[in-house]
Amino acid sequence: MTVVAVLGAGRIGAVHARSIAAAPDAELALVVDPVPGAAEALAGAHGARAAGDAAAAFQDPAIDAVVIGSPTRYHVQHILEGVAAGKALFVEKPIDLDLARADDCIRQVGAARDRVMVGFNRRFDPSTASLRQRVRDGEIGALEQLSIVSRDPAPPPAAYLRGSGGIFKDMVIHDFDTARSLLGEIDSVAVTGQHLDPDVEDEWDAAASTLVGVGGAVCTIVTSRHCATGYDQRIEAFGPLGSLRLENQVTDGVRAYTRDSAGATGPFQNFFLERYADAYRIEMDAFLRAVRGDGPMGPGLLDGRQALAIAEAATEAARTGTRVRVQPLPVGAA
């Protein structure tokens, strides 16, 4: 039985707590959150203990693994404390908002980084995983072009945005990781940033990014923090033998053909918690298996670092209007 603690009783902490509690070979033992009543409410729903300080998780010898769903500014601190305590760790993206700080964290973690998994849940989405495998199997030949559309139905609250690190480190970082998982390492990024909604307190609330892989393949990512039709998530992979398309998942797949519409379906799924519900569950199951030694611990810290490096390059590209090279892994990190 894998005994697990969750740091953070917010939205993502609740998602992971539910997955852990439902896993047959895991026990959710502890929920930690400094906000009065938050840890108690989530822990009570799953029969776990509650605490207000992360030390309660790291200092408990009965706890095997810690899920870090705390605010991003605490991720590096919690990673280092967890590694020092000998825990297996799952940390939500991004590792940090600053690439140099993330690199220093990876240096300090050293060989123990194979005990840390980073939360890029879309890698575990069954449809995305199927597309990735079919690309790798050569079904469309060598990947030449990748197109990703990723739009949220509405922007998050202003208080969240102020600590998010901006659209590239908060939102598009998932798409950067998807692109890298399909294209391989990314050489450079060019971006046109947009501010479409004056009520959004962010430098950009939409963007069009062009990534060039080291092998020459190109990826375009179109993103926005608002979308009238719902959570818009699409991918097309194109090669000399054809293309593979991942379309939006809808609430009702039946198509209606009437005098007023042709091919109308139910709306897109509402948001990421619905669209990627299976991905979150499969992701946590993969982490728990890895803790038991039954599978790989990944994506790992280096994957998180590379996605953050692309996000930093994208931020600079949007501000300068130039194509920016992605900072490679530090010497000795690979």
C-alpha atoms as a PDB file:
ATOM      1  CA  MET A   1       0.000   0.000   0.000  1.00  0.00           C
ATOM      2  CA  THR A   2       1.445   3.365  -1.068  1.00  0.00           C
ATOM      3  CA  VAL A   3       0.790   6.022   1.562  1.00  0.00           C
ATOM      4  CA  VAL A   4       0.412   9.505   0.049  1.00  0.00           C
ATOM      5  CA  ALA A   5       0.156  13.112   1.231  1.00  0.00           C
ATOM      6  CA  VAL A   6      -1.234  15.968  -0.858  1.00  0.00           C
ATOM      7  CA  LEU A   7       0.070  19.520  -0.481  1.00  0.00           C
ATOM      8  CA  GLY A   8      -2.616  22.004  -1.471  1.00  0.00           C
ATOM      9  CA  ALA A   9      -6.359  21.624  -1.011  1.00  0.00           C
ATOM     10  CA  GLY A  10      -7.380  23.773  -3.963  1.00  0.00           C
ATOM     11  CA  ARG A  11      -8.878  22.688  -7.258  1.00  0.00           C
ATOM     12  CA  ILE A  12      -5.958  20.561  -8.473  1.00  0.00           C
ATOM     13  CA  GLY A  13      -5.300  19.142  -5.015  1.00  0.00           C
ATOM     14  CA  ALA A  14      -8.905  17.947  -4.896  1.00  0.00           C
ATOM     15  CA  VAL A  15      -8.505  16.255  -8.295  1.00  0.00           C
ATOM     16  CA  HIS A  16      -5.419  14.343  -7.193  1.00  0.00           C
ATOM     17  CA  ALA A  17      -6.851  13.507  -3.778  1.00  0.00           C
ATOM     18  CA  ARG A  18      -9.865  11.930  -5.443  1.00  0.00           C
ATOM     19  CA  SER A  19      -7.664   9.843  -7.743  1.00  0.00           C
ATOM     20  CA  ILE A  20      -5.475   8.648  -4.877  1.00  0.00           C
ATOM     21  CA  ALA A  21      -8.452   7.779  -2.693  1.00  0.00           C
ATOM     22  CA  ALA A  22      -9.941   5.711  -5.531  1.00  0.00           C
ATOM     23  CA  ALA A  23      -6.727   3.801  -6.269  1.00  0.00           C
ATOM     24  CA  PRO A  24      -6.874   0.242  -4.851  1.00  0.00           C
ATOM     25  CA  ASP A  25      -3.219   0.122  -3.775  1.00  0.00           C
ATOM     26  CA  ALA A  26      -2.913   3.623  -2.304  1.00  0.00           C
ATOM     27  CA  GLU A  27      -3.970   5.432   0.847  1.00  0.00           C
ATOM     28  CA  LEU A  28      -4.529   9.175   1.049  1.00  0.00           C
ATOM     29  CA  ALA A  29      -3.200   9.734   4.560  1.00  0.00           C
ATOM     30  CA  LEU A  30      -2.710  13.494   4.802  1.00  0.00           C
ATOM     31  CA  VAL A  31      -3.835  16.755   3.191  1.00  0.00           C
ATOM     32  CA  VAL A  32      -1.824  19.914   3.890  1.00  0.00           C
ATOM     33  CA  ASP A  33      -2.959  23.490   3.351  1.00  0.00           C
ATOM     34  CA  PRO A  34      -2.236  26.620   5.428  1.00  0.00           C
ATOM     35  CA  VAL A  35      -5.636  28.161   4.648  1.00  0.00           C
ATOM     36  CA  PRO A  36      -7.849  27.596   7.705  1.00  0.00           C
ATOM     37  CA  GLY A  37     -10.393  24.862   7.070  1.00  0.00           C
ATOM     38  CA  ALA A  38      -9.191  23.974   3.536  1.00  0.00           C
ATOM     39  CA  ALA A  39      -7.164  20.895   4.430  1.00  0.00           C
ATOM     40  CA  GLU A  40      -9.805  19.744   6.916  1.00  0.00           C
ATOM     41  CA  ALA A  41     -12.574  19.891   4.302  1.00  0.00           C
ATOM     42  CA  LEU A  42     -10.688  17.917   1.652  1.00  0.00           C
ATOM     43  CA  ALA A  43      -9.185  15.450   4.114  1.00  0.00           C
ATOM     44  CA  GLY A  44     -12.574  14.854   5.705  1.00  0.00           C
ATOM     45  CA  ALA A  45     -14.069  13.920   2.352  1.00  0.00           C
ATOM     46  CA  HIS A  46     -11.553  11.064   2.021  1.00  0.00           C
ATOM     47  CA  GLY A  47     -10.962   9.965   5.604  1.00  0.00           C
ATOM     48  CA  ALA A  48      -7.495  11.515   5.777  1.00  0.00           C
ATOM     49  CA  ARG A  49      -5.717  13.654   8.372  1.00  0.00           C
ATOM     50  CA  ALA A  50      -5.246  17.400   7.905  1.00  0.00           C
ATOM     51  CA  ALA A  51      -2.315  19.697   8.630  1.00  0.00           C
ATOM     52  CA  GLY A  52      -1.317  23.292   7.952  1.00  0.00           C
ATOM     53  CA  ASP A  53       2.429  22.839   7.421  1.00  0.00           C
ATOM     54  CA  ALA A  54       4.184  20.794   4.718  1.00  0.00           C
ATOM     55  CA  ALA A  55       6.634  19.533   7.327  1.00  0.00           C
ATOM     56  CA  ALA A  56       3.884  17.205   8.535  1.00  0.00           C
ATOM     57  CA  ALA A  57       4.160  15.328   5.218  1.00  0.00           C
ATOM     58  CA  PHE A  58       7.929  15.358   4.818  1.00  0.00           C
ATOM     59  CA  GLN A  59       8.704  14.379   8.422  1.00  0.00           C
ATOM     60  CA  ASP A  60       6.233  11.491   8.637  1.00  0.00           C
ATOM     61  CA  PRO A  61       8.132   8.220   8.031  1.00  0.00           C
ATOM     62  CA  ALA A  62       4.888   6.427   7.140  1.00  0.00           C
ATOM     63  CA  ILE A  63       4.339   8.579   4.054  1.00  0.00           C
ATOM     64  CA  ASP A  64       5.892   7.165   0.872  1.00  0.00           C
ATOM     65  CA  ALA A  65       4.946   9.854  -1.648  1.00  0.00           C
ATOM     66  CA  VAL A  66       3.936  13.514  -1.693  1.00  0.00           C
ATOM     67  CA  VAL A  67       1.837  15.224  -4.356  1.00  0.00           C
ATOM     68  CA  ILE A  68       2.840  18.888  -4.604  1.00  0.00           C
ATOM     69  CA  GLY A  69      -0.174  20.948  -5.633  1.00  0.00           C
ATOM     70  CA  SER A  70       0.887  24.034  -3.693  1.00  0.00           C
ATOM     71  CA  PRO A  71       1.237  27.463  -5.385  1.00  0.00           C
ATOM     72  CA  THR A  72       4.088  27.581  -7.902  1.00  0.00           C
ATOM     73  CA  ARG A  73       6.238  29.838  -5.724  1.00  0.00           C
ATOM     74  CA  TYR A  74       6.609  26.951  -3.241  1.00  0.00           C
ATOM     75  CA  HIS A  75       7.374  24.174  -5.739  1.00  0.00           C
ATOM     76  CA  VAL A  76      11.176  24.342  -5.569  1.00  0.00           C
ATOM     77  CA  GLN A  77      11.143  24.519  -1.769  1.00  0.00           C
ATOM     78  CA  HIS A  78       8.818  21.535  -1.535  1.00  0.00           C
ATOM     79  CA  ILE A  79      10.773  19.524  -4.117  1.00  0.00           C
ATOM     80  CA  LEU A  80      14.027  20.020  -2.204  1.00  0.00           C
ATOM     81  CA  GLU A  81      12.416  19.246   1.154  1.00  0.00           C
ATOM     82  CA  GLY A  82      10.774  16.145  -0.268  1.00  0.00           C
ATOM     83  CA  VAL A  83      13.942  14.831  -1.871  1.00  0.00           C
ATOM     84  CA  ALA A  84      15.868  15.425   1.360  1.00  0.00           C
ATOM     85  CA  ALA A  85      13.206  13.424   3.207  1.00  0.00           C
ATOM     86  CA  GLY A  86      13.489  10.533   0.744  1.00  0.00           C
ATOM     87  CA  LYS A  87       9.937  10.846  -0.585  1.00  0.00           C
ATOM     88  CA  ALA A  88       8.746  10.093  -4.103  1.00  0.00           C
ATOM     89  CA  LEU A  89       7.317  13.335  -5.482  1.00  0.00           C
ATOM     90  CA  PHE A  90       4.689  14.420  -7.959  1.00  0.00           C
ATOM     91  CA  VAL A  91       4.821  18.168  -8.666  1.00  0.00           C
ATOM     92  CA  GLU A  92       2.414  20.217 -10.715  1.00  0.00           C
ATOM     93  CA  LYS A  93       3.748  22.344 -13.543  1.00  0.00           C
ATOM     94  CA  PRO A  94       5.644  24.602 -13.743  1.00  0.00           C
ATOM     95  CA  ILE A  95       8.644  23.704 -11.599  1.00  0.00           C
ATOM     96  CA  ASP A  96       9.101  27.444 -11.034  1.00  0.00           C
ATOM     97  CA  LEU A  97       8.425  30.691 -12.863  1.00  0.00           C
ATOM     98  CA  ASP A  98      12.163  31.358 -13.237  1.00  0.00           C
ATOM     99  CA  LEU A  99      14.311  29.085 -15.396  1.00  0.00           C
ATOM    100  CA  ALA A 100      17.525  29.759 -13.456  1.00  0.00           C
ATOM    101  CA  ARG A 101      15.810  28.776 -10.207  1.00  0.00           C
ATOM    102  CA  ALA A 102      14.467  25.613 -11.835  1.00  0.00           C
ATOM    103  CA  ASP A 103      17.975  24.758 -13.093  1.00  0.00           C
ATOM    104  CA  ASP A 104      19.399  25.244  -9.604  1.00  0.00           C
ATOM    105  CA  CYS A 105      16.687  22.973  -8.197  1.00  0.00           C
ATOM    106  CA  ILE A 106      17.552  20.237 -10.701  1.00  0.00           C
ATOM    107  CA  ARG A 107      21.251  20.603  -9.854  1.00  0.00           C
ATOM    108  CA  GLN A 108      20.533  20.209  -6.138  1.00  0.00           C
ATOM    109  CA  VAL A 109      18.217  17.241  -6.689  1.00  0.00           C
ATOM    110  CA  GLY A 110      20.936  15.481  -8.679  1.00  0.00           C
ATOM    111  CA  ALA A 111      20.502  11.752  -9.167  1.00  0.00           C
ATOM    112  CA  ALA A 112      17.330  11.780  -7.070  1.00  0.00           C
ATOM    113  CA  ARG A 113      15.461  13.396  -9.947  1.00  0.00           C
ATOM    114  CA  ASP A 114      14.307   9.925 -10.994  1.00  0.00           C
ATOM    115  CA  ARG A 115      12.049  10.094  -7.930  1.00  0.00           C
ATOM    116  CA  VAL A 116      10.224  13.196  -9.184  1.00  0.00           C
ATOM    117  CA  MET A 117       7.367  13.318 -11.700  1.00  0.00           C
ATOM    118  CA  VAL A 118       5.998  16.538 -13.239  1.00  0.00           C
ATOM    119  CA  GLY A 119       2.279  16.975 -13.885  1.00  0.00           C
ATOM    120  CA  PHE A 120       1.805  17.245 -17.631  1.00  0.00           C
ATOM    121  CA  ASN A 121      -1.532  15.464 -17.594  1.00  0.00           C
ATOM    122  CA  ARG A 122      -2.187  15.754 -21.337  1.00  0.00           C
ATOM    123  CA  ARG A 123       0.502  13.156 -22.012  1.00  0.00           C
ATOM    124  CA  PHE A 124      -1.871  10.692 -20.341  1.00  0.00           C
ATOM    125  CA  ASP A 125      -5.006  11.689 -22.228  1.00  0.00           C
ATOM    126  CA  PRO A 126      -5.958   8.524 -24.157  1.00  0.00           C
ATOM    127  CA  SER A 127      -6.645  10.341 -27.431  1.00  0.00           C
ATOM    128  CA  THR A 128      -3.467  12.425 -27.275  1.00  0.00           C
ATOM    129  CA  ALA A 129      -1.425   9.359 -26.357  1.00  0.00           C
ATOM    130  CA  SER A 130      -2.918   7.472 -29.305  1.00  0.00           C
ATOM    131  CA  LEU A 131      -2.043  10.286 -31.722  1.00  0.00           C
ATOM    132  CA  ARG A 132       1.506  10.459 -30.356  1.00  0.00           C
ATOM    133  CA  GLN A 133       2.000   6.715 -30.706  1.00  0.00           C
ATOM    134  CA  ARG A 134       0.663   6.684 -34.258  1.00  0.00           C
ATOM    135  CA  VAL A 135       3.050   9.485 -35.198  1.00  0.00           C
ATOM    136  CA  ARG A 136       5.933   7.536 -33.668  1.00  0.00           C
ATOM    137  CA  ASP A 137       4.823   4.400 -35.527  1.00  0.00           C
ATOM    138  CA  GLY A 138       5.269   6.278 -38.814  1.00  0.00           C
ATOM    139  CA  GLU A 139       1.623   6.210 -39.906  1.00  0.00           C
ATOM    140  CA  ILE A 140       1.936   9.641 -41.586  1.00  0.00           C
ATOM    141  CA  GLY A 141       5.656   9.425 -42.323  1.00  0.00           C
ATOM    142  CA  ALA A 142       8.112  11.871 -40.816  1.00  0.00           C
ATOM    143  CA  LEU A 143       6.269  14.592 -38.915  1.00  0.00           C
ATOM    144  CA  GLU A 144       6.561  17.841 -40.872  1.00  0.00           C
ATOM    145  CA  GLN A 145       3.970  20.144 -39.353  1.00  0.00           C
ATOM    146  CA  LEU A 146       2.054  20.153 -36.076  1.00  0.00           C
ATOM    147  CA  SER A 147      -0.920  22.426 -35.369  1.00  0.00           C
ATOM    148  CA  ILE A 148      -2.363  22.901 -31.877  1.00  0.00           C
ATOM    149  CA  VAL A 149      -5.425  24.949 -30.942  1.00  0.00           C
ATOM    150  CA  SER A 150      -5.881  25.472 -27.220  1.00  0.00           C
ATOM    151  CA  ARG A 151      -8.450  27.987 -25.961  1.00  0.00           C
ATOM    152  CA  ASP A 152      -9.984  28.305 -22.504  1.00  0.00           C
ATOM    153  CA  PRO A 153     -13.695  29.141 -22.220  1.00  0.00           C
ATOM    154  CA  ALA A 154     -13.021  32.128 -19.932  1.00  0.00           C
ATOM    155  CA  PRO A 155     -10.065  33.738 -18.168  1.00  0.00           C
ATOM    156  CA  PRO A 156      -9.241  32.885 -14.559  1.00  0.00           C
ATOM    157  CA  PRO A 157      -9.721  35.423 -11.738  1.00  0.00           C
ATOM    158  CA  ALA A 158      -7.413  38.434 -11.598  1.00  0.00           C
ATOM    159  CA  ALA A 159      -5.886  37.250  -8.310  1.00  0.00           C
ATOM    160  CA  TYR A 160      -4.818  34.005 -10.002  1.00  0.00           C
ATOM    161  CA  LEU A 161      -3.386  35.787 -13.029  1.00  0.00           C
ATOM    162  CA  ARG A 162      -1.187  38.033 -10.901  1.00  0.00           C
ATOM    163  CA  GLY A 163       0.786  35.019  -9.676  1.00  0.00           C
ATOM    164  CA  SER A 164       0.542  32.848 -12.783  1.00  0.00           C
ATOM    165  CA  GLY A 165       3.682  33.966 -14.583  1.00  0.00           C
ATOM    166  CA  GLY A 166       1.718  34.905 -17.701  1.00  0.00           C
ATOM    167  CA  ILE A 167      -0.058  32.982 -20.411  1.00  0.00           C
ATOM    168  CA  PHE A 168       3.018  31.082 -21.650  1.00  0.00           C
ATOM    169  CA  LYS A 169       4.184  29.711 -18.283  1.00  0.00           C
ATOM    170  CA  ASP A 170       0.685  29.123 -16.962  1.00  0.00           C
ATOM    171  CA  MET A 171      -1.399  27.975 -19.932  1.00  0.00           C
ATOM    172  CA  VAL A 172       0.581  27.397 -23.117  1.00  0.00           C
ATOM    173  CA  ILE A 173       3.260  25.431 -21.226  1.00  0.00           C
ATOM    174  CA  HIS A 174       0.996  22.373 -21.576  1.00  0.00           C
ATOM    175  CA  ASP A 175       0.990  22.828 -25.358  1.00  0.00           C
ATOM    176  CA  PHE A 176       4.748  23.395 -25.390  1.00  0.00           C
ATOM    177  CA  ASP A 177       5.172  20.041 -23.658  1.00  0.00           C
ATOM    178  CA  THR A 178       2.772  18.396 -26.129  1.00  0.00           C
ATOM    179  CA  ALA A 179       4.742  19.853 -29.040  1.00  0.00           C
ATOM    180  CA  ARG A 180       8.041  18.673 -27.575  1.00  0.00           C
ATOM    181  CA  SER A 181       6.658  15.172 -26.935  1.00  0.00           C
ATOM    182  CA  LEU A 182       5.804  14.946 -30.645  1.00  0.00           C
ATOM    183  CA  LEU A 183       8.597  16.950 -32.339  1.00  0.00           C
ATOM    184  CA  GLY A 184      11.454  16.328 -29.936  1.00  0.00           C
ATOM    185  CA  GLU A 185      13.624  19.188 -28.706  1.00  0.00           C
ATOM    186  CA  ILE A 186      12.610  22.698 -29.761  1.00  0.00           C
ATOM    187  CA  ASP A 187      15.258  24.994 -31.248  1.00  0.00           C
ATOM    188  CA  SER A 188      13.492  28.359 -31.367  1.00  0.00           C
ATOM    189  CA  VAL A 189      10.209  30.197 -30.918  1.00  0.00           C
ATOM    190  CA  ALA A 190       8.492  33.165 -32.568  1.00  0.00           C
ATOM    191  CA  VAL A 191       5.329  34.653 -31.069  1.00  0.00           C
ATOM    192  CA  THR A 192       2.690  37.243 -31.787  1.00  0.00           C
ATOM    193  CA  GLY A 193       1.024  38.131 -28.493  1.00  0.00           C
ATOM    194  CA  GLN A 194      -2.439  39.662 -28.286  1.00  0.00           C
ATOM    195  CA  HIS A 195      -4.393  41.472 -25.579  1.00  0.00           C
ATOM    196  CA  LEU A 196      -7.994  41.034 -26.669  1.00  0.00           C
ATOM    197  CA  ASP A 197      -9.938  41.505 -23.445  1.00  0.00           C
ATOM    198  CA  PRO A 198      -9.300  44.814 -21.600  1.00  0.00           C
ATOM    199  CA  ASP A 199     -10.687  43.287 -18.410  1.00  0.00           C
ATOM    200  CA  VAL A 200      -7.939  40.653 -18.283  1.00  0.00           C
ATOM    201  CA  GLU A 201      -5.030  41.831 -16.120  1.00  0.00           C
ATOM    202  CA  ASP A 202      -2.318  40.083 -18.099  1.00  0.00           C
ATOM    203  CA  GLU A 203       0.283  41.163 -20.625  1.00  0.00           C
ATOM    204  CA  TRP A 204      -1.279  38.870 -23.210  1.00  0.00           C
ATOM    205  CA  ASP A 205      -4.499  36.888 -23.141  1.00  0.00           C
ATOM    206  CA  ALA A 206      -4.033  35.300 -26.570  1.00  0.00           C
ATOM    207  CA  ALA A 207      -1.108  34.368 -28.792  1.00  0.00           C
ATOM    208  CA  ALA A 208       0.055  32.627 -31.941  1.00  0.00           C
ATOM    209  CA  SER A 209       3.354  30.787 -31.471  1.00  0.00           C
ATOM    210  CA  THR A 210       5.578  29.106 -34.035  1.00  0.00           C
ATOM    211  CA  LEU A 211       8.060  26.532 -32.777  1.00  0.00           C
ATOM    212  CA  VAL A 212      10.844  25.010 -34.873  1.00  0.00           C
ATOM    213  CA  GLY A 213      12.189  21.629 -33.793  1.00  0.00           C
ATOM    214  CA  VAL A 214      15.866  20.782 -34.002  1.00  0.00           C
ATOM    215  CA  GLY A 215      15.006  18.414 -36.847  1.00  0.00           C
ATOM    216  CA  GLY A 216      13.242  21.147 -38.821  1.00  0.00           C
ATOM    217  CA  ALA A 217       9.596  20.257 -38.163  1.00  0.00           C
ATOM    218  CA  VAL A 218       7.332  23.205 -37.366  1.00  0.00           C
ATOM    219  CA  CYS A 219       4.572  23.571 -34.785  1.00  0.00           C
ATOM    220  CA  THR A 220       2.003  26.366 -34.612  1.00  0.00           C
ATOM    221  CA  ILE A 221       0.069  26.932 -31.392  1.00  0.00           C
ATOM    222  CA  VAL A 222      -2.959  29.218 -31.333  1.00  0.00           C
ATOM    223  CA  THR A 223      -4.282  30.008 -27.877  1.00  0.00           C
ATOM    224  CA  SER A 224      -6.721  32.323 -26.126  1.00  0.00           C
ATOM    225  CA  ARG A 225      -8.036  32.773 -22.603  1.00  0.00           C
ATOM    226  CA  HIS A 226     -11.603  33.056 -23.898  1.00  0.00           C
ATOM    227  CA  CYS A 227     -13.682  31.012 -26.341  1.00  0.00           C
ATOM    228  CA  ALA A 228     -17.434  31.404 -26.804  1.00  0.00           C
ATOM    229  CA  THR A 229     -17.856  27.772 -27.879  1.00  0.00           C
ATOM    230  CA  GLY A 230     -16.187  26.319 -24.758  1.00  0.00           C
ATOM    231  CA  TYR A 231     -12.921  24.507 -24.109  1.00  0.00           C
ATOM    232  CA  ASP A 232     -11.357  24.307 -27.568  1.00  0.00           C
ATOM    233  CA  GLN A 233      -8.699  21.562 -27.781  1.00  0.00           C
ATOM    234  CA  ARG A 234      -7.502  20.345 -31.190  1.00  0.00           C
ATOM    235  CA  ILE A 235      -4.338  18.849 -32.676  1.00  0.00           C
ATOM    236  CA  GLU A 236      -3.341  18.036 -36.247  1.00  0.00           C
ATOM    237  CA  ALA A 237      -0.138  16.182 -37.114  1.00  0.00           C
ATOM    238  CA  PHE A 238       0.839  16.369 -40.785  1.00  0.00           C
ATOM    239  CA  GLY A 239       3.371  14.334 -42.756  1.00  0.00           C
ATOM    240  CA  PRO A 240       4.047  13.123 -46.313  1.00  0.00           C
ATOM    241  CA  LEU A 241       1.689  10.141 -45.927  1.00  0.00           C
ATOM    242  CA  GLY A 242      -1.265  12.069 -44.521  1.00  0.00           C
ATOM    243  CA  SER A 243      -2.472  13.640 -41.309  1.00  0.00           C
ATOM    244  CA  LEU A 244      -3.850  12.680 -37.919  1.00  0.00           C
ATOM    245  CA  ARG A 245      -6.440  14.914 -36.300  1.00  0.00           C
ATOM    246  CA  LEU A 246      -7.627  15.067 -32.727  1.00  0.00           C
ATOM    247  CA  GLU A 247     -10.902  16.977 -32.618  1.00  0.00           C
ATOM    248  CA  ASN A 248     -12.825  18.502 -29.754  1.00  0.00           C
ATOM    249  CA  GLN A 249     -14.714  16.220 -27.454  1.00  0.00           C
ATOM    250  CA  VAL A 250     -18.340  17.285 -27.035  1.00  0.00           C
ATOM    251  CA  THR A 251     -20.991  16.671 -24.411  1.00  0.00           C
ATOM    252  CA  ASP A 252     -23.224  14.894 -26.941  1.00  0.00           C
ATOM    253  CA  GLY A 253     -21.714  13.413 -30.096  1.00  0.00           C
ATOM    254  CA  VAL A 254     -25.019  13.003 -31.962  1.00  0.00           C
ATOM    255  CA  ARG A 255     -25.127  15.284 -34.996  1.00  0.00           C
ATOM    256  CA  ALA A 256     -28.313  17.078 -35.993  1.00  0.00           C
ATOM    257  CA  TYR A 257     -29.145  17.983 -39.593  1.00  0.00           C
ATOM    258  CA  THR A 258     -32.135  20.298 -39.876  1.00  0.00           C
ATOM    259  CA  ARG A 259     -33.255  23.306 -41.895  1.00  0.00           C
ATOM    260  CA  ASP A 260     -31.516  25.490 -39.292  1.00  0.00           C
ATOM    261  CA  SER A 261     -28.206  23.651 -38.964  1.00  0.00           C
ATOM    262  CA  ALA A 262     -26.011  21.003 -40.537  1.00  0.00           C
ATOM    263  CA  GLY A 263     -23.959  18.670 -38.392  1.00  0.00           C
ATOM    264  CA  ALA A 264     -24.770  20.399 -35.091  1.00  0.00           C
ATOM    265  CA  THR A 265     -23.596  18.568 -31.955  1.00  0.00           C
ATOM    266  CA  GLY A 266     -23.588  19.199 -28.248  1.00  0.00           C
ATOM    267  CA  PRO A 267     -21.202  21.896 -26.958  1.00  0.00           C
ATOM    268  CA  PHE A 268     -17.521  21.334 -26.250  1.00  0.00           C
ATOM    269  CA  GLN A 269     -16.743  19.948 -22.833  1.00  0.00           C
ATOM    270  CA  ASN A 270     -16.811  22.793 -20.340  1.00  0.00           C
ATOM    271  CA  PHE A 271     -13.211  23.025 -19.094  1.00  0.00           C
ATOM    272  CA  PHE A 272     -10.026  21.110 -18.387  1.00  0.00           C
ATOM    273  CA  LEU A 273     -11.410  19.229 -15.389  1.00  0.00           C
ATOM    274  CA  GLU A 274     -14.037  17.614 -17.640  1.00  0.00           C
ATOM    275  CA  ARG A 275     -11.966  17.278 -20.824  1.00  0.00           C
ATOM    276  CA  TYR A 276      -8.971  15.740 -19.073  1.00  0.00           C
ATOM    277  CA  ALA A 277     -10.710  13.850 -16.252  1.00  0.00           C
ATOM    278  CA  ASP A 278      -9.409  10.504 -17.532  1.00  0.00           C
ATOM    279  CA  ALA A 279      -5.946  11.973 -18.080  1.00  0.00           C
ATOM    280  CA  TYR A 280      -5.663  13.089 -14.455  1.00  0.00           C
ATOM    281  CA  ARG A 281      -6.725   9.678 -13.195  1.00  0.00           C
ATOM    282  CA  ILE A 282      -4.363   7.781 -15.531  1.00  0.00           C
ATOM    283  CA  GLU A 283      -1.536  10.191 -14.690  1.00  0.00           C
ATOM    284  CA  MET A 284      -1.883   9.591 -10.945  1.00  0.00           C
ATOM    285  CA  ASP A 285      -2.148   5.833 -11.471  1.00  0.00           C
ATOM    286  CA  ALA A 286       1.126   6.002 -13.436  1.00  0.00           C
ATOM    287  CA  PHE A 287       2.789   7.912 -10.592  1.00  0.00           C
ATOM    288  CA  LEU A 288       1.608   5.410  -7.983  1.00  0.00           C
ATOM    289  CA  ARG A 289       2.872   2.504 -10.111  1.00  0.00           C
ATOM    290  CA  ALA A 290       6.231   4.243 -10.473  1.00  0.00           C
ATOM    291  CA  VAL A 291       6.468   4.720  -6.699  1.00  0.00           C
ATOM    292  CA  ARG A 292       6.018   0.950  -6.349  1.00  0.00           C
ATOM    293  CA  GLY A 293       8.666   0.336  -9.013  1.00  0.00           C
ATOM    294  CA  ASP A 294       6.185  -0.927 -11.598  1.00  0.00           C
ATOM    295  CA  GLY A 295       6.838   1.709 -14.265  1.00  0.00           C
ATOM    296  CA  PRO A 296       8.864   4.777 -15.252  1.00  0.00           C
ATOM    297  CA  MET A 297       8.706   8.019 -13.274  1.00  0.00           C
ATOM    298  CA  GLY A 298       7.901  10.476 -16.011  1.00  0.00           C
ATOM    299  CA  PRO A 299       7.567  13.031 -17.379  1.00  0.00           C
ATOM    300  CA  GLY A 300      10.346  14.176 -15.104  1.00  0.00           C
ATOM    301  CA  LEU A 301      12.146  17.306 -13.969  1.00  0.00           C
ATOM    302  CA  LEU A 302      14.066  17.652 -17.237  1.00  0.00           C
ATOM    303  CA  ASP A 303      10.784  17.579 -19.179  1.00  0.00           C
ATOM    304  CA  GLY A 304       9.430  20.260 -16.869  1.00  0.00           C
ATOM    305  CA  ARG A 305      12.582  22.289 -17.334  1.00  0.00           C
ATOM    306  CA  GLN A 306      12.432  22.116 -21.128  1.00  0.00           C
ATOM    307  CA  ALA A 307       8.779  23.190 -21.240  1.00  0.00           C
ATOM    308  CA  LEU A 308       9.643  26.126 -18.968  1.00  0.00           C
ATOM    309  CA  ALA A 309      12.599  27.037 -21.214  1.00  0.00           C
ATOM    310  CA  ILE A 310      10.263  27.165 -24.218  1.00  0.00           C
ATOM    311  CA  ALA A 311       7.832  29.314 -22.210  1.00  0.00           C
ATOM    312  CA  GLU A 312      10.605  31.754 -21.277  1.00  0.00           C
ATOM    313  CA  ALA A 313      11.718  31.968 -24.905  1.00  0.00           C
ATOM    314  CA  ALA A 314       8.106  32.553 -25.969  1.00  0.00           C
ATOM    315  CA  THR A 315       7.711  35.366 -23.436  1.00  0.00           C
ATOM    316  CA  GLU A 316      10.846  37.082 -24.757  1.00  0.00           C
ATOM    317  CA  ALA A 317       9.771  36.509 -28.363  1.00  0.00           C
ATOM    318  CA  ALA A 318       6.382  38.115 -27.724  1.00  0.00           C
ATOM    319  CA  ARG A 319       7.984  41.143 -26.064  1.00  0.00           C
ATOM    320  CA  THR A 320      10.719  41.678 -28.665  1.00  0.00           C
ATOM    321  CA  GLY A 321       9.001  40.561 -31.861  1.00  0.00           C
ATOM    322  CA  THR A 322      11.999  38.368 -32.688  1.00  0.00           C
ATOM    323  CA  ARG A 323      12.627  34.640 -32.984  1.00  0.00           C
ATOM    324  CA  VAL A 324      14.280  33.445 -29.773  1.00  0.00           C
ATOM    325  CA  ARG A 325      16.436  30.365 -29.239  1.00  0.00           C
ATOM    326  CA  VAL A 326      15.374  27.995 -26.473  1.00  0.00           C
ATOM    327  CA  GLN A 327      17.996  27.687 -23.739  1.00  0.00           C
ATOM    328  CA  PRO A 328      19.362  24.125 -23.825  1.00  0.00           C
ATOM    329  CA  LEU A 329      19.787  21.934 -20.779  1.00  0.00           C
ATOM    330  CA  PRO A 330      22.789  22.922 -18.627  1.00  0.00           C
ATOM    331  CA  VAL A 331      25.920  20.894 -19.257  1.00  0.00           C
ATOM    332  CA  GLY A 332      25.753  17.616 -17.375  1.00  0.00           C
ATOM    333  CA  ALA A 333      21.984  17.783 -16.753  1.00  0.00           C
ATOM    334  CA  ALA A 334      20.955  15.324 -19.469  1.00  0.00           C
END
